[in-house]
C-alpha atoms as a PDB file:
ATOM      1  CA  MET A   1     145.936  15.688 105.125  1.00  0.00           C
ATOM      2  CA  ALA A   2     142.179  14.903 104.135  1.00  0.00           C
ATOM      3  CA  LYS A   3     141.760  15.174  99.766  1.00  0.00           C
ATOM      4  CA  TRP A   4     138.473  17.808  99.486  1.00  0.00           C
ATOM      5  CA  GLY A   5     135.063  15.738  99.364  1.00  0.00           C
ATOM      6  CA  GLN A   6     136.980  12.780 101.658  1.00  0.00           C
ATOM      7  CA  GLY A   7     137.018  14.823 105.393  1.00  0.00           C
ATOM      8  CA  ASP A   8     136.185  12.623 108.650  1.00  0.00           C
ATOM      9  CA  PRO A   9     132.287  12.024 108.482  1.00  0.00           C
ATOM     10  CA  ARG A  10     131.411  13.593 111.727  1.00  0.00           C
ATOM     11  CA  TRP A  11     132.705  16.742 110.361  1.00  0.00           C
ATOM     12  CA  ILE A  12     130.345  16.347 106.845  1.00  0.00           C
ATOM     13  CA  VAL A  13     126.944  18.793 107.413  1.00  0.00           C
ATOM     14  CA  GLU A  14     123.935  16.753 106.522  1.00  0.00           C
ATOM     15  CA  GLU A  15     120.534  16.583 106.046  1.00  0.00           C
ATOM     16  CA  ARG A  16     120.683  20.163 107.606  1.00  0.00           C
ATOM     17  CA  GLU A  17     119.961  23.585 105.901  1.00  0.00           C
ATOM     18  CA  ASP A  18     121.343  25.484 108.549  1.00  0.00           C
ATOM     19  CA  GLY A  19     124.407  23.258 107.823  1.00  0.00           C
ATOM     20  CA  THR A  20     125.423  23.144 112.114  1.00  0.00           C
ATOM     21  CA  ASN A  21     126.894  21.003 114.360  1.00  0.00           C
ATOM     22  CA  VAL A  22     125.784  18.137 112.587  1.00  0.00           C
ATOM     23  CA  ASN A  23     124.765  15.229 115.035  1.00  0.00           C
ATOM     24  CA  ASN A  24     126.223  17.395 118.231  1.00  0.00           C
ATOM     25  CA  TRP A  25     129.842  16.439 116.630  1.00  0.00           C
ATOM     26  CA  HIS A  26     130.664  19.908 117.364  1.00  0.00           C
ATOM     27  CA  TRP A  27     131.691  22.086 120.712  1.00  0.00           C
ATOM     28  CA  THR A  28     129.271  24.839 122.009  1.00  0.00           C
ATOM     29  CA  GLU A  29     129.083  26.714 124.577  1.00  0.00           C
ATOM     30  CA  ARG A  30     126.691  28.800 126.143  1.00  0.00           C
ATOM     31  CA  ASP A  31     127.074  31.504 129.293  1.00  0.00           C
ATOM     32  CA  ALA A  32     125.017  31.047 131.896  1.00  0.00           C
ATOM     33  CA  THR A  33     126.605  33.771 134.095  1.00  0.00           C
ATOM     34  CA  SER A  34     123.536  36.046 133.661  1.00  0.00           C
ATOM     35  CA  TRP A  35     120.899  33.658 134.074  1.00  0.00           C
ATOM     36  CA  SER A  36     122.452  32.244 137.042  1.00  0.00           C
ATOM     37  CA  LYS A  37     122.330  35.380 139.277  1.00  0.00           C
ATOM     38  CA  GLY A  38     118.726  35.702 138.790  1.00  0.00           C
ATOM     39  CA  LYS A  39     117.908  32.047 139.411  1.00  0.00           C
ATOM     40  CA  LEU A  40     119.878  32.243 142.270  1.00  0.00           C
ATOM     41  CA  ARG A  41     118.093  35.994 143.876  1.00  0.00           C
ATOM     42  CA  GLU A  42     114.568  33.799 142.768  1.00  0.00           C
ATOM     43  CA  LEU A  43     115.725  30.779 144.518  1.00  0.00           C
ATOM     44  CA  LEU A  44     117.778  32.218 147.843  1.00  0.00           C
ATOM     45  CA  VAL A  45     115.661  35.760 148.730  1.00  0.00           C
ATOM     46  CA  GLY A  46     112.636  35.124 150.823  1.00  0.00           C
ATOM     47  CA  ILE A  47     114.129  31.765 152.296  1.00  0.00           C
ATOM     48  CA  ALA A  48     112.633  32.310 156.264  1.00  0.00           C
ATOM     49  CA  VAL A  49     112.636  29.759 159.466  1.00  0.00           C
ATOM     50  CA  GLU A  50     111.094  29.676 162.374  1.00  0.00           C
ATOM     51  CA  ASN A  51     110.493  28.113 165.957  1.00  0.00           C
ATOM     52  CA  GLU A  52     108.863  28.966 169.070  1.00  0.00           C
ATOM     53  CA  ALA A  53     111.532  31.325 169.665  1.00  0.00           C
ATOM     54  CA  GLY A  54     111.973  33.363 166.815  1.00  0.00           C
ATOM     55  CA  ARG A  55     111.487  33.833 162.704  1.00  0.00           C
ATOM     56  CA  CYS A  56     114.459  34.726 160.299  1.00  0.00           C
ATOM     57  CA  GLU A  57     114.443  35.408 157.111  1.00  0.00           C
ATOM     58  CA  ILE A  58     116.954  36.172 153.693  1.00  0.00           C
ATOM     59  CA  SER A  59     116.329  39.585 152.759  1.00  0.00           C
ATOM     60  CA  GLU A  60     118.442  40.755 150.352  1.00  0.00           C
ATOM     61  CA  LEU A  61     121.476  39.209 147.863  1.00  0.00           C
ATOM     62  CA  LYS A  62     123.863  41.041 148.727  1.00  0.00           C
ATOM     63  CA  GLN A  63     126.671  39.807 146.437  1.00  0.00           C
ATOM     64  CA  VAL A  64     127.540  37.374 143.925  1.00  0.00           C
ATOM     65  CA  GLU A  65     130.537  37.068 142.587  1.00  0.00           C
ATOM     66  CA  GLY A  66     131.747  34.336 139.534  1.00  0.00           C
ATOM     67  CA  GLU A  67     130.370  33.086 136.540  1.00  0.00           C
ATOM     68  CA  ALA A  68     128.757  29.413 135.364  1.00  0.00           C
ATOM     69  CA  SER A  69     128.395  28.067 131.554  1.00  0.00           C
ATOM     70  CA  CYS A  70     127.330  25.360 129.997  1.00  0.00           C
ATOM     71  CA  SER A  71     128.929  23.533 126.910  1.00  0.00           C
ATOM     72  CA  SER A  72     128.102  20.684 124.601  1.00  0.00           C
ATOM     73  CA  ARG A  73     130.553  18.016 122.946  1.00  0.00           C
ATOM     74  CA  LYS A  74     129.701  14.721 121.118  1.00  0.00           C
ATOM     75  CA  GLY A  75     125.897  15.354 122.774  1.00  0.00           C
ATOM     76  CA  LYS A  76     127.657  15.557 126.326  1.00  0.00           C
ATOM     77  CA  LEU A  77     126.170  18.425 128.709  1.00  0.00           C
ATOM     78  CA  ILE A  78     129.154  19.878 130.268  1.00  0.00           C
ATOM     79  CA  PHE A  79     128.759  21.919 133.486  1.00  0.00           C
ATOM     80  CA  PHE A  80     130.957  24.761 135.068  1.00  0.00           C
ATOM     81  CA  TYR A  81     129.892  27.305 137.853  1.00  0.00           C
ATOM     82  CA  GLU A  82     131.749  28.734 140.549  1.00  0.00           C
ATOM     83  CA  TRP A  83     129.907  31.281 143.113  1.00  0.00           C
ATOM     84  CA  ASN A  84     130.730  33.160 145.617  1.00  0.00           C
ATOM     85  CA  ILE A  85     127.902  34.513 147.664  1.00  0.00           C
ATOM     86  CA  LYS A  86     126.801  36.478 150.226  1.00  0.00           C
ATOM     87  CA  LEU A  87     123.555  37.483 151.810  1.00  0.00           C
ATOM     88  CA  GLY A  88     121.531  38.921 154.080  1.00  0.00           C
ATOM     89  CA  TRP A  89     119.339  37.997 156.952  1.00  0.00           C
ATOM     90  CA  LYS A  90     116.949  39.388 159.480  1.00  0.00           C
ATOM     91  CA  GLY A  91     114.678  38.130 162.152  1.00  0.00           C
ATOM     92  CA  ILE A  92     112.867  38.823 165.103  1.00  0.00           C
ATOM     93  CA  ILE A  93     113.223  37.193 168.788  1.00  0.00           C
ATOM     94  CA  LYS A  94     108.968  36.230 169.434  1.00  0.00           C
ATOM     95  CA  GLU A  95     109.499  37.063 173.420  1.00  0.00           C
ATOM     96  CA  SER A  96     111.012  40.366 173.398  1.00  0.00           C
ATOM     97  CA  GLY A  97     110.222  41.581 169.790  1.00  0.00           C
ATOM     98  CA  ALA A  98     114.159  42.240 169.810  1.00  0.00           C
ATOM     99  CA  LYS A  99     114.953  42.472 165.646  1.00  0.00           C
ATOM    100  CA  HIS A 100     118.601  41.541 164.474  1.00  0.00           C
ATOM    101  CA  LYS A 101     120.332  40.838 161.226  1.00  0.00           C
ATOM    102  CA  GLY A 102     123.332  39.232 159.724  1.00  0.00           C
ATOM    103  CA  LEU A 103     125.022  37.594 157.391  1.00  0.00           C
ATOM    104  CA  ILE A 104     125.082  34.179 155.144  1.00  0.00           C
ATOM    105  CA  GLU A 105     128.562  33.507 153.139  1.00  0.00           C
ATOM    106  CA  ILE A 106     128.932  31.010 150.315  1.00  0.00           C
ATOM    107  CA  PRO A 107     132.452  31.153 149.552  1.00  0.00           C
ATOM    108  CA  ASN A 108     132.580  28.622 146.905  1.00  0.00           C
ATOM    109  CA  LEU A 109     129.605  26.800 145.274  1.00  0.00           C
ATOM    110  CA  SER A 110     131.092  24.680 142.240  1.00  0.00           C
ATOM    111  CA  GLU A 111     130.902  21.561 140.965  1.00  0.00           C
ATOM    112  CA  GLU A 112     134.053  20.039 142.570  1.00  0.00           C
ATOM    113  CA  ASN A 113     132.097  20.136 145.920  1.00  0.00           C
ATOM    114  CA  GLU A 114     128.478  17.954 146.404  1.00  0.00           C
ATOM    115  CA  VAL A 115     125.830  20.552 147.570  1.00  0.00           C
ATOM    116  CA  ASP A 116     125.668  18.607 150.893  1.00  0.00           C
ATOM    117  CA  ASP A 117     129.203  19.647 151.495  1.00  0.00           C
ATOM    118  CA  THR A 118     129.251  23.082 150.103  1.00  0.00           C
ATOM    119  CA  GLU A 119     130.774  25.942 153.177  1.00  0.00           C
ATOM    120  CA  VAL A 120     127.722  27.935 154.239  1.00  0.00           C
ATOM    121  CA  ASN A 121     128.762  30.454 157.227  1.00  0.00           C
ATOM    122  CA  VAL A 122     125.845  31.842 159.175  1.00  0.00           C
ATOM    123  CA  SER A 123     127.385  35.149 161.285  1.00  0.00           C
ATOM    124  CA  LYS A 124     125.511  37.533 163.275  1.00  0.00           C
ATOM    125  CA  LYS A 125     126.144  41.279 164.110  1.00  0.00           C
ATOM    126  CA  LYS A 126     127.162  42.187 167.671  1.00  0.00           C
ATOM    127  CA  GLY A 127     125.045  42.303 170.816  1.00  0.00           C
ATOM    128  CA  ASP A 128     122.212  39.482 171.524  1.00  0.00           C
ATOM    129  CA  GLY A 129     120.388  37.344 169.679  1.00  0.00           C
ATOM    130  CA  ASN A 130     122.187  34.589 169.271  1.00  0.00           C
ATOM    131  CA  ILE A 131     118.839  32.404 169.347  1.00  0.00           C
ATOM    132  CA  LEU A 132     118.745  33.503 165.521  1.00  0.00           C
ATOM    133  CA  LYS A 133     121.810  32.738 164.580  1.00  0.00           C
ATOM    134  CA  ASP A 134     121.381  29.608 165.417  1.00  0.00           C
ATOM    135  CA  LEU A 135     118.461  28.632 164.034  1.00  0.00           C
ATOM    136  CA  MET A 136     119.485  30.186 160.725  1.00  0.00           C
ATOM    137  CA  LYS A 137     122.942  27.651 160.979  1.00  0.00           C
ATOM    138  CA  THR A 138     120.642  25.154 161.698  1.00  0.00           C
ATOM    139  CA  ALA A 139     117.340  25.167 159.494  1.00  0.00           C
ATOM    140  CA  GLY A 140     118.533  28.352 157.817  1.00  0.00           C
ATOM    141  CA  THR A 141     121.483  26.593 156.821  1.00  0.00           C
ATOM    142  CA  ALA A 142     119.694  23.517 155.657  1.00  0.00           C
ATOM    143  CA  LYS A 143     116.928  25.390 153.089  1.00  0.00           C
ATOM    144  CA  VAL A 144     119.943  26.929 151.570  1.00  0.00           C
ATOM    145  CA  ARG A 145     121.619  23.993 150.617  1.00  0.00           C
ATOM    146  CA  GLU A 146     117.801  23.217 149.034  1.00  0.00           C
ATOM    147  CA  ALA A 147     117.275  26.159 146.954  1.00  0.00           C
ATOM    148  CA  LEU A 148     121.468  25.469 145.833  1.00  0.00           C
ATOM    149  CA  GLY A 149     120.415  22.147 144.855  1.00  0.00           C
ATOM    150  CA  ASP A 150     117.180  23.488 142.584  1.00  0.00           C
ATOM    151  CA  TYR A 151     119.210  25.891 140.808  1.00  0.00           C
ATOM    152  CA  LEU A 152     121.787  22.765 140.383  1.00  0.00           C
ATOM    153  CA  LYS A 153     118.484  21.000 138.843  1.00  0.00           C
ATOM    154  CA  ALA A 154     117.803  24.063 137.040  1.00  0.00           C
ATOM    155  CA  LEU A 155     120.371  25.201 136.110  1.00  0.00           C
ATOM    156  CA  LYS A 156     120.787  21.580 133.915  1.00  0.00           C
ATOM    157  CA  THR A 157     117.421  21.491 132.910  1.00  0.00           C
ATOM    158  CA  GLU A 158     115.506  25.042 132.320  1.00  0.00           C
ATOM    159  CA  PHE A 159     118.833  26.339 130.721  1.00  0.00           C
ATOM    160  CA  THR A 160     119.983  23.859 128.783  1.00  0.00           C
ATOM    161  CA  MET A 161     116.298  23.869 126.369  1.00  0.00           C
ATOM    162  CA  GLY A 162     117.313  23.492 122.762  1.00  0.00           C
ATOM    163  CA  MET A 163     121.536  22.443 123.401  1.00  0.00           C
ATOM    164  CA  ILE A 164     120.890  18.897 122.638  1.00  0.00           C
ATOM    165  CA  LEU A 165     120.432  18.528 118.727  1.00  0.00           C
ATOM    166  CA  PRO A 166     118.318  15.718 117.209  1.00  0.00           C
ATOM    167  CA  THR A 167     120.851  13.404 115.492  1.00  0.00           C
ATOM    168  CA  LYS A 168     120.488  10.801 113.158  1.00  0.00           C
ATOM    169  CA  ALA A 169     121.091   8.157 116.319  1.00  0.00           C
ATOM    170  CA  MET A 170     118.077   9.740 118.470  1.00  0.00           C
ATOM    171  CA  ALA A 171     116.030  10.073 114.796  1.00  0.00           C
ATOM    172  CA  THR A 172     116.283   6.363 114.509  1.00  0.00           C
ATOM    173  CA  GLN A 173     116.176   5.413 117.713  1.00  0.00           C
ATOM    174  CA  GLU A 174     112.674   6.691 118.507  1.00  0.00           C
ATOM    175  CA  LEU A 175     111.506   5.117 115.304  1.00  0.00           C
ATOM    176  CA  THR A 176     112.139   1.876 117.002  1.00  0.00           C
ATOM    177  CA  VAL A 177     110.374   2.369 120.162  1.00  0.00           C
ATOM    178  CA  LYS A 178     107.914   3.621 118.201  1.00  0.00           C
ATOM    179  CA  ARG A 179     107.193   0.498 116.744  1.00  0.00           C
ATOM    180  CA  LYS A 180     106.875  -0.839 120.000  1.00  0.00           C
ATOM    181  CA  LEU A 181     104.512   1.549 121.209  1.00  0.00           C
ATOM    182  CA  SER A 182     100.800  -1.008 122.215  1.00  0.00           C
ATOM    183  CA  GLU A 183      98.215  -0.391 119.946  1.00  0.00           C
ATOM    184  CA  THR A 184      95.930   1.126 123.790  1.00  0.00           C
ATOM    185  CA  THR A 185      98.804   3.843 123.573  1.00  0.00           C
ATOM    186  CA  LEU A 186      97.875   4.011 119.639  1.00  0.00           C
ATOM    187  CA  GLN A 187      94.085   4.783 120.731  1.00  0.00           C
ATOM    188  CA  ILE A 188      94.337   6.968 122.927  1.00  0.00           C
ATOM    189  CA  GLN A 189      96.509   9.375 121.141  1.00  0.00           C
ATOM    190  CA  ALA A 190      93.951   8.609 118.152  1.00  0.00           C
ATOM    191  CA  SER A 191      91.236   9.140 119.850  1.00  0.00           C
ATOM    192  CA  SER A 192      92.276  12.375 120.949  1.00  0.00           C
ATOM    193  CA  PRO A 193      89.881  15.515 120.552  1.00  0.00           C
ATOM    194  CA  VAL A 194      92.679  17.889 119.245  1.00  0.00           C
ATOM    195  CA  ALA A 195      95.707  15.768 117.136  1.00  0.00           C
ATOM    196  CA  LEU A 196      99.130  15.587 118.920  1.00  0.00           C
ATOM    197  CA  GLY A 197     101.134  17.231 115.200  1.00  0.00           C
ATOM    198  CA  VAL A 198     104.112  14.659 114.482  1.00  0.00           C
ATOM    199  CA  ARG A 199     103.413  10.898 116.390  1.00  0.00           C
ATOM    200  CA  ILE A 200     106.525  10.596 118.950  1.00  0.00           C
ATOM    201  CA  PRO A 201     107.316   8.246 121.991  1.00  0.00           C
ATOM    202  CA  THR A 202     105.273   9.814 125.075  1.00  0.00           C
ATOM    203  CA  VAL A 203     104.144  10.078 128.315  1.00  0.00           C
ATOM    204  CA  ALA A 204     101.143  10.605 130.376  1.00  0.00           C
ATOM    205  CA  LEU A 205     102.031  12.765 133.723  1.00  0.00           C
ATOM    206  CA  HIS A 206      99.518  12.685 136.832  1.00  0.00           C
ATOM    207  CA  MET A 207     100.703  15.100 139.562  1.00  0.00           C
ATOM    208  CA  THR A 208      98.470  16.665 142.233  1.00  0.00           C
ATOM    209  CA  GLU A 209      98.982  20.124 144.527  1.00  0.00           C
ATOM    210  CA  LEU A 210      96.367  21.537 147.075  1.00  0.00           C
ATOM    211  CA  PHE A 211      96.443  24.986 147.341  1.00  0.00           C
ATOM    212  CA  ASP A 212      95.554  27.105 150.390  1.00  0.00           C
ATOM    213  CA  THR A 213      92.649  29.374 148.472  1.00  0.00           C
ATOM    214  CA  ALA A 214      89.614  29.273 147.829  1.00  0.00           C
ATOM    215  CA  ILE A 215      88.843  27.592 143.472  1.00  0.00           C
ATOM    216  CA  GLU A 216      87.663  30.715 142.293  1.00  0.00           C
ATOM    217  CA  GLN A 217      91.207  31.903 142.879  1.00  0.00           C
ATOM    218  CA  LEU A 218      92.772  29.359 141.521  1.00  0.00           C
ATOM    219  CA  TYR A 219      91.092  29.317 138.449  1.00  0.00           C
ATOM    220  CA  ARG A 220      91.987  33.197 137.964  1.00  0.00           C
ATOM    221  CA  ILE A 221      95.490  32.383 138.620  1.00  0.00           C
ATOM    222  CA  PHE A 222      95.397  30.263 135.670  1.00  0.00           C
ATOM    223  CA  THR A 223      93.744  32.328 133.417  1.00  0.00           C
ATOM    224  CA  VAL A 224      94.107  35.599 134.203  1.00  0.00           C
ATOM    225  CA  LYS A 225      97.133  37.852 132.137  1.00  0.00           C
ATOM    226  CA  ASP A 226      98.484  39.997 135.294  1.00  0.00           C
ATOM    227  CA  LEU A 227      98.078  36.608 137.923  1.00  0.00           C
ATOM    228  CA  VAL A 228     100.275  34.415 134.470  1.00  0.00           C
ATOM    229  CA  GLN A 229     102.851  36.802 134.596  1.00  0.00           C
ATOM    230  CA  LYS A 230     102.981  37.542 138.619  1.00  0.00           C
ATOM    231  CA  PHE A 231     103.341  33.652 139.537  1.00  0.00           C
ATOM    232  CA  SER A 232     105.758  33.295 135.703  1.00  0.00           C
ATOM    233  CA  LYS A 233     107.961  36.043 136.411  1.00  0.00           C
ATOM    234  CA  SER A 234     107.769  37.005 132.575  1.00  0.00           C
ATOM    235  CA  PRO A 235     105.785  38.795 130.486  1.00  0.00           C
ATOM    236  CA  ALA A 236     102.617  36.027 128.633  1.00  0.00           C
ATOM    237  CA  VAL A 237     100.138  36.914 126.357  1.00  0.00           C
ATOM    238  CA  LEU A 238      96.485  34.850 126.420  1.00  0.00           C
ATOM    239  CA  GLU A 239      93.060  35.570 126.664  1.00  0.00           C
ATOM    240  CA  ALA A 240      91.563  32.728 128.091  1.00  0.00           C
ATOM    241  CA  GLU A 241      88.455  31.563 125.300  1.00  0.00           C
ATOM    242  CA  LYS A 242      88.190  28.522 123.323  1.00  0.00           C
ATOM    243  CA  GLY A 243      90.171  28.549 120.660  1.00  0.00           C
ATOM    244  CA  ARG A 244      92.282  31.253 121.992  1.00  0.00           C
ATOM    245  CA  LYS A 245      96.815  30.777 121.779  1.00  0.00           C
ATOM    246  CA  PHE A 246      98.565  31.449 124.298  1.00  0.00           C
ATOM    247  CA  GLN A 247     102.476  32.102 125.519  1.00  0.00           C
ATOM    248  CA  MET A 248     104.227  32.120 128.821  1.00  0.00           C
ATOM    249  CA  PHE A 249     107.753  32.832 130.153  1.00  0.00           C
ATOM    250  CA  ASP A 250     108.772  33.948 126.934  1.00  0.00           C
ATOM    251  CA  GLY A 251     107.840  32.338 124.833  1.00  0.00           C
ATOM    252  CA  ASN A 252     109.505  29.579 125.786  1.00  0.00           C
ATOM    253  CA  ILE A 253     106.024  27.617 126.073  1.00  0.00           C
ATOM    254  CA  THR A 254     103.130  28.414 123.588  1.00  0.00           C
ATOM    255  CA  GLY A 255      99.810  26.239 123.263  1.00  0.00           C
ATOM    256  CA  GLU A 256      95.666  26.802 122.437  1.00  0.00           C
ATOM    257  CA  TYR A 257      92.348  26.429 124.877  1.00  0.00           C
ATOM    258  CA  VAL A 258      90.384  23.514 123.654  1.00  0.00           C
ATOM    259  CA  GLU A 259      87.842  23.539 126.854  1.00  0.00           C
ATOM    260  CA  LEU A 260      87.627  26.009 129.903  1.00  0.00           C
ATOM    261  CA  LEU A 261      84.903  24.989 132.650  1.00  0.00           C
ATOM    262  CA  THR A 262      84.887  27.868 134.629  1.00  0.00           C
ATOM    263  CA  ASN A 263      86.067  27.345 138.448  1.00  0.00           C
ATOM    264  CA  LYS A 264      85.782  23.668 137.328  1.00  0.00           C
ATOM    265  CA  LYS A 265      88.520  22.609 134.036  1.00  0.00           C
ATOM    266  CA  ILE A 266      90.954  23.928 131.586  1.00  0.00           C
ATOM    267  CA  VAL A 267      91.624  21.878 128.526  1.00  0.00           C
ATOM    268  CA  MET A 268      94.877  22.699 126.397  1.00  0.00           C
ATOM    269  CA  LYS A 269      97.067  22.366 123.744  1.00  0.00           C
ATOM    270  CA  TRP A 270     100.712  22.898 124.789  1.00  0.00           C
ATOM    271  CA  ARG A 271     104.555  22.570 124.056  1.00  0.00           C
ATOM    272  CA  CYS A 272     107.835  23.247 124.467  1.00  0.00           C
ATOM    273  CA  ARG A 273     109.275  25.347 122.505  1.00  0.00           C
ATOM    274  CA  ASN A 274     112.445  22.651 121.986  1.00  0.00           C
ATOM    275  CA  TRP A 275     110.057  20.030 121.433  1.00  0.00           C
ATOM    276  CA  PRO A 276     109.579  18.418 117.629  1.00  0.00           C
ATOM    277  CA  GLU A 277     108.000  21.050 115.827  1.00  0.00           C
ATOM    278  CA  GLU A 278     103.838  21.402 116.043  1.00  0.00           C
ATOM    279  CA  HIS A 279     104.111  18.331 118.298  1.00  0.00           C
ATOM    280  CA  TYR A 280     101.269  19.463 121.146  1.00  0.00           C
ATOM    281  CA  ALA A 281     100.941  17.597 124.815  1.00  0.00           C
ATOM    282  CA  ILE A 282      97.402  17.229 126.159  1.00  0.00           C
ATOM    283  CA  VAL A 283      97.039  19.790 129.225  1.00  0.00           C
ATOM    284  CA  ALA A 284      93.488  19.088 131.493  1.00  0.00           C
ATOM    285  CA  LEU A 285      93.578  20.946 134.878  1.00  0.00           C
ATOM    286  CA  ASN A 286      90.589  20.127 137.216  1.00  0.00           C
ATOM    287  CA  PHE A 287      89.742  22.353 140.104  1.00  0.00           C
ATOM    288  CA  VAL A 288      88.638  20.270 142.905  1.00  0.00           C
ATOM    289  CA  PRO A 289      87.462  21.942 146.350  1.00  0.00           C
ATOM    290  CA  ASN A 290      88.637  20.184 149.363  1.00  0.00           C
ATOM    291  CA  LEU A 291      87.953  21.016 152.922  1.00  0.00           C
ATOM    292  CA  GLY A 292      88.427  24.860 152.416  1.00  0.00           C
ATOM    293  CA  GLN A 293      91.368  24.638 150.195  1.00  0.00           C
ATOM    294  CA  THR A 294      91.241  23.403 145.820  1.00  0.00           C
ATOM    295  CA  GLU A 295      93.640  20.941 144.859  1.00  0.00           C
ATOM    296  CA  LEU A 296      94.348  20.744 141.266  1.00  0.00           C
ATOM    297  CA  GLN A 297      94.287  17.317 139.194  1.00  0.00           C
ATOM    298  CA  LEU A 298      96.812  17.534 136.499  1.00  0.00           C
ATOM    299  CA  ASP A 299      96.773  15.218 133.542  1.00  0.00           C
ATOM    300  CA  CYS A 300      98.709  15.243 130.835  1.00  0.00           C
ATOM    301  CA  LYS A 301      99.659  13.080 127.278  1.00  0.00           C
ATOM    302  CA  GLY A 302     101.856  13.036 125.345  1.00  0.00           C
ATOM    303  CA  VAL A 303     104.755  14.291 126.234  1.00  0.00           C
ATOM    304  CA  PRO A 304     107.475  13.193 124.397  1.00  0.00           C
ATOM    305  CA  VAL A 305     109.869  10.309 126.479  1.00  0.00           C
ATOM    306  CA  CYS A 306     113.160  12.221 126.896  1.00  0.00           C
ATOM    307  CA  GLU A 307     111.117  15.680 128.578  1.00  0.00           C
ATOM    308  CA  GLU A 308     108.777  13.748 130.547  1.00  0.00           C
ATOM    309  CA  GLU A 309     111.685  14.859 133.485  1.00  0.00           C
ATOM    310  CA  ASN A 310     111.659  18.441 132.375  1.00  0.00           C
ATOM    311  CA  MET A 311     108.221  18.779 132.301  1.00  0.00           C
ATOM    312  CA  LYS A 312     107.500  17.196 135.968  1.00  0.00           C
ATOM    313  CA  PHE A 313     110.421  19.862 136.840  1.00  0.00           C
ATOM    314  CA  CYS A 314     108.481  22.757 134.890  1.00  0.00           C
ATOM    315  CA  TRP A 315     104.670  21.864 136.645  1.00  0.00           C
ATOM    316  CA  GLN A 316     106.203  21.515 140.186  1.00  0.00           C
ATOM    317  CA  LYS A 317     109.264  24.082 140.212  1.00  0.00           C
ATOM    318  CA  GLN A 318     107.698  27.155 137.796  1.00  0.00           C
ATOM    319  CA  HIS A 319     103.999  26.901 137.977  1.00  0.00           C
ATOM    320  CA  PHE A 320     103.336  25.213 141.490  1.00  0.00           C
ATOM    321  CA  GLU A 321     105.723  26.203 144.012  1.00  0.00           C
ATOM    322  CA  GLU A 322     105.959  29.650 142.118  1.00  0.00           C
ATOM    323  CA  ILE A 323     101.499  29.830 142.655  1.00  0.00           C
ATOM    324  CA  GLN A 324     101.718  29.143 146.716  1.00  0.00           C
ATOM    325  CA  GLY A 325     104.430  31.692 146.931  1.00  0.00           C
ATOM    326  CA  LEU A 326     101.676  34.790 144.364  1.00  0.00           C
ATOM    327  CA  LEU A 327      98.842  33.159 146.856  1.00  0.00           C
ATOM    328  CA  GLN A 328     101.125  33.945 150.605  1.00  0.00           C
ATOM    329  CA  LEU A 329     101.893  37.335 148.627  1.00  0.00           C
ATOM    330  CA  ILE A 330      98.295  38.289 148.160  1.00  0.00           C
ATOM    331  CA  THR A 331      97.417  37.427 150.884  1.00  0.00           C
ATOM    332  CA  LEU A 332     100.269  39.554 153.148  1.00  0.00           C
ATOM    333  CA  ASN A 333      98.744  42.213 150.783  1.00  0.00           C
ATOM    334  CA  GLY A 334      94.624  41.177 152.408  1.00  0.00           C
END
């Protein structure tokens, strides 16, 4: 046994007031079961497939049994998940108008199998309508596996935010990268209209998405609280005026409006909760008319290098795709 004051340095708490998990050495675990059930429902219910013969849609999540968790040890994330899922689907044959129902069973979604190899069983209640069953077994199964893949991506990115704490090695590496940044990059950051706070290695992102709606409607979705809460499916605090602060996704995203040109442009200071303290990116949204549709151009500067993929995922999955779904709902409701 080590003498007092001569313990293994890996267990010694250094330079942390909270004294927790220095250099990510200790084992930590986070239960992802409840979060996973909500995410699986969000991704699977509503999946629709269609061909010249008929249309099918997953209408309900009948059963989701199992568990999921994420553990951190020595700076590495370890995932465990095991699910038995039952879904209800319904469909209609276009020629006759006949309606049919059935089940989709996923008996073993786990880390032991690749998503493409995961068993997906489609069945239908007795009677005619095998043409719909065949549609669900082909196109439907493909979309189900795609949604399961999206769940695993979210589990490994969205759910794990903040689990890996900064270490001395990471800080040293970031400092080295920072020193190698080009003068051009530093000048861009220095000339930014809003101070970006802590100087860390960053990247710039550019993304575009085409929406089948008028500019006015898309602009409102980003600036009206009720619409923001609908596409984000979580509480939001915002007042779209220059200098006003905002919160989205239960406070996981915070920021401030820098510039608003109605139906043309929105510029924001923008940060994720797990980013270095006081560090903000600059997000610019440009609304461009395009043959009766609206092209949204996203330009973002100041994203921490280690958060590039998370940022892309956040905007593609949690913003663009959710807004597309909201617009479809608005259209259906007139």
